[in-house]
Amino acid sequence: MALSYDQALDRAITALLLEAVEHSRALRHVLEQVGHLVMLRVQLHHAGAAAGSTEEPDGEGFPELTNREHEVLGYLVRGGTNREIAKALGISERTVKNHMRNIFTKLGVADRTSAAVKALESRR
C-alpha cells in the first residue's frame, strides 16, 4: 500500500514540475514580447524627439500593402489592439484580423511585434 501511495505522490510531483516548466516557458515568452514592445515604445519616443515631432510611424514604407493595411499597421505600431483598431476604423474585429494576416504575409513576419519592428525599421 505504501508503495502505491509513494508512486502516486511521485507522479503528482512530476506532473506539477512539468506544469511549472511549461508555465515558465510561457512566462518567458510573454516577458520577451513585453520587452520588445517596451523597446519599440522607447524607439518611437526617441525617433519623434529626434525629428522634433510626436508623430509615430504609420507603416507607409511598404508599397505592397493596401491603404487600409497601412492604416491598420499604423495603429498596430502605436500599440492598438484589434478591438481598438476596429473601433477607430469603423470595421469589425474579424476584418482587422484579416488585414493583420495579410500584413504578416506581405511583410514576411509571424506576429504583431515583428510587424511593428519592421515598420519602425522601414522609417530609419
Protein backbone atom coordinates (compact mmCIF):
# COMPACT_ATOMS: atom_id res chain seq x y z
CA MET A 1 0.00 0.00 0.00
CA ALA A 2 2.82 2.41 0.88
CA LEU A 3 4.49 1.77 -2.47
CA SER A 4 1.42 2.75 -4.48
CA TYR A 5 0.97 5.89 -2.34
CA ASP A 6 4.60 6.83 -2.97
CA GLN A 7 4.18 6.19 -6.68
CA ALA A 8 1.06 8.37 -6.79
CA LEU A 9 2.87 11.09 -4.89
CA ASP A 10 5.85 10.87 -7.27
CA ARG A 11 3.53 11.13 -10.27
CA ALA A 12 1.78 14.15 -8.79
CA ILE A 13 5.09 15.86 -8.05
CA THR A 14 6.35 15.09 -11.56
CA ALA A 15 3.15 16.47 -13.12
CA LEU A 16 3.44 19.66 -11.07
CA LEU A 17 7.07 20.11 -12.06
CA LEU A 18 6.26 19.61 -15.74
CA GLU A 19 3.45 22.12 -15.47
CA ALA A 20 5.78 24.59 -13.76
CA VAL A 21 8.29 24.22 -16.60
CA GLU A 22 5.58 24.88 -19.19
CA HIS A 23 4.36 27.95 -17.30
CA SER A 24 7.95 29.15 -17.03
CA ARG A 25 8.39 28.87 -20.80
CA ALA A 26 5.12 30.67 -21.44
CA LEU A 27 6.02 33.40 -18.96
CA ARG A 28 9.45 33.82 -20.54
CA HIS A 29 7.82 34.22 -23.96
CA VAL A 30 5.38 36.82 -22.64
CA LEU A 31 8.19 38.72 -20.94
CA GLU A 32 10.23 38.71 -24.16
CA GLN A 33 7.24 40.11 -26.08
CA VAL A 34 6.70 42.81 -23.45
CA GLY A 35 10.39 43.67 -23.63
CA HIS A 36 10.15 44.05 -27.40
CA LEU A 37 7.12 46.30 -27.07
CA VAL A 38 8.82 48.46 -24.44
CA MET A 39 11.84 48.81 -26.71
CA LEU A 40 9.54 49.79 -29.58
CA ARG A 41 7.87 52.43 -27.44
CA VAL A 42 11.27 53.87 -26.45
CA GLN A 43 12.36 53.90 -30.10
CA LEU A 44 9.14 55.66 -31.07
CA HIS A 45 9.70 58.27 -28.39
CA HIS A 46 13.32 58.87 -29.38
CA ALA A 47 12.53 58.92 -33.10
CA GLY A 48 9.81 61.51 -32.54
CA ALA A 49 12.05 63.61 -30.30
CA ALA A 50 14.93 63.46 -32.77
CA ALA A 51 12.70 64.55 -35.62
CA GLY A 52 11.09 67.24 -33.49
CA SER A 53 7.74 65.57 -33.91
CA THR A 54 5.40 63.46 -31.82
CA GLU A 55 4.05 61.75 -34.93
CA GLU A 56 4.51 58.00 -34.87
CA PRO A 57 5.39 55.76 -37.80
CA ASP A 58 2.43 54.55 -39.82
CA GLY A 59 4.00 51.85 -41.92
CA GLU A 60 3.72 53.71 -45.22
CA GLY A 61 7.09 52.36 -46.37
CA PHE A 62 5.56 49.19 -47.85
CA PRO A 63 4.14 49.61 -51.36
CA GLU A 64 2.80 46.03 -51.30
CA LEU A 65 0.27 46.97 -48.61
CA THR A 66 -3.13 48.44 -49.40
CA ASN A 67 -4.09 51.82 -47.97
CA ARG A 68 -6.24 50.11 -45.33
CA GLU A 69 -3.41 47.74 -44.41
CA HIS A 70 -1.16 50.80 -43.95
CA GLU A 71 -3.76 52.27 -41.60
CA VAL A 72 -4.02 49.03 -39.62
CA LEU A 73 -0.23 48.75 -39.43
CA GLY A 74 -0.03 52.33 -38.17
CA TYR A 75 -2.44 51.55 -35.34
CA LEU A 76 -0.53 48.33 -34.63
CA VAL A 77 2.75 50.26 -34.30
CA ARG A 78 1.02 52.62 -31.86
CA GLY A 79 0.10 49.59 -29.72
CA GLY A 80 -3.56 49.27 -30.69
CA THR A 81 -5.41 46.06 -30.01
CA ASN A 82 -7.60 44.51 -32.70
CA ARG A 83 -10.65 45.84 -30.87
CA GLU A 84 -9.22 49.37 -30.67
CA ILE A 85 -8.19 49.31 -34.32
CA ALA A 86 -11.62 48.08 -35.38
CA LYS A 87 -13.33 50.82 -33.40
CA ALA A 88 -11.02 53.54 -34.74
CA LEU A 89 -11.51 52.45 -38.35
CA GLY A 90 -15.19 51.58 -38.08
CA ILE A 91 -14.69 47.96 -39.12
CA SER A 92 -15.17 44.60 -37.42
CA GLU A 93 -12.51 42.84 -35.38
CA ARG A 94 -12.68 39.98 -37.87
CA THR A 95 -11.80 42.39 -40.68
CA VAL A 96 -8.88 43.68 -38.62
CA LYS A 97 -7.69 40.09 -38.13
CA ASN A 98 -7.89 39.55 -41.90
CA HIS A 99 -5.87 42.70 -42.50
CA MET A 100 -3.32 41.57 -39.89
CA ARG A 101 -2.96 38.19 -41.58
CA ASN A 102 -2.42 39.90 -44.95
CA ILE A 103 0.11 42.31 -43.42
CA PHE A 104 2.04 39.46 -41.81
CA THR A 105 2.12 37.56 -45.10
CA LYS A 106 3.17 40.57 -47.19
CA LEU A 107 5.87 41.62 -44.71
CA GLY A 108 7.08 38.06 -44.19
CA VAL A 109 6.58 38.12 -40.42
CA ALA A 110 4.83 35.83 -37.99
CA ASP A 111 3.47 38.16 -35.32
CA ARG A 112 2.45 41.69 -34.30
CA THR A 113 5.76 42.53 -32.69
CA SER A 114 7.74 41.56 -35.78
CA ALA A 115 5.41 43.61 -37.98
CA ALA A 116 5.83 46.64 -35.72
CA VAL A 117 9.61 46.25 -35.67
CA LYS A 118 9.71 46.00 -39.46
CA ALA A 119 7.54 49.12 -39.77
CA LEU A 120 9.83 51.04 -37.41
CA GLU A 121 12.94 49.88 -39.23
CA SER A 122 11.50 51.00 -42.57
CA ARG A 123 11.33 54.58 -41.28
CA ARG A 124 15.05 54.79 -40.46
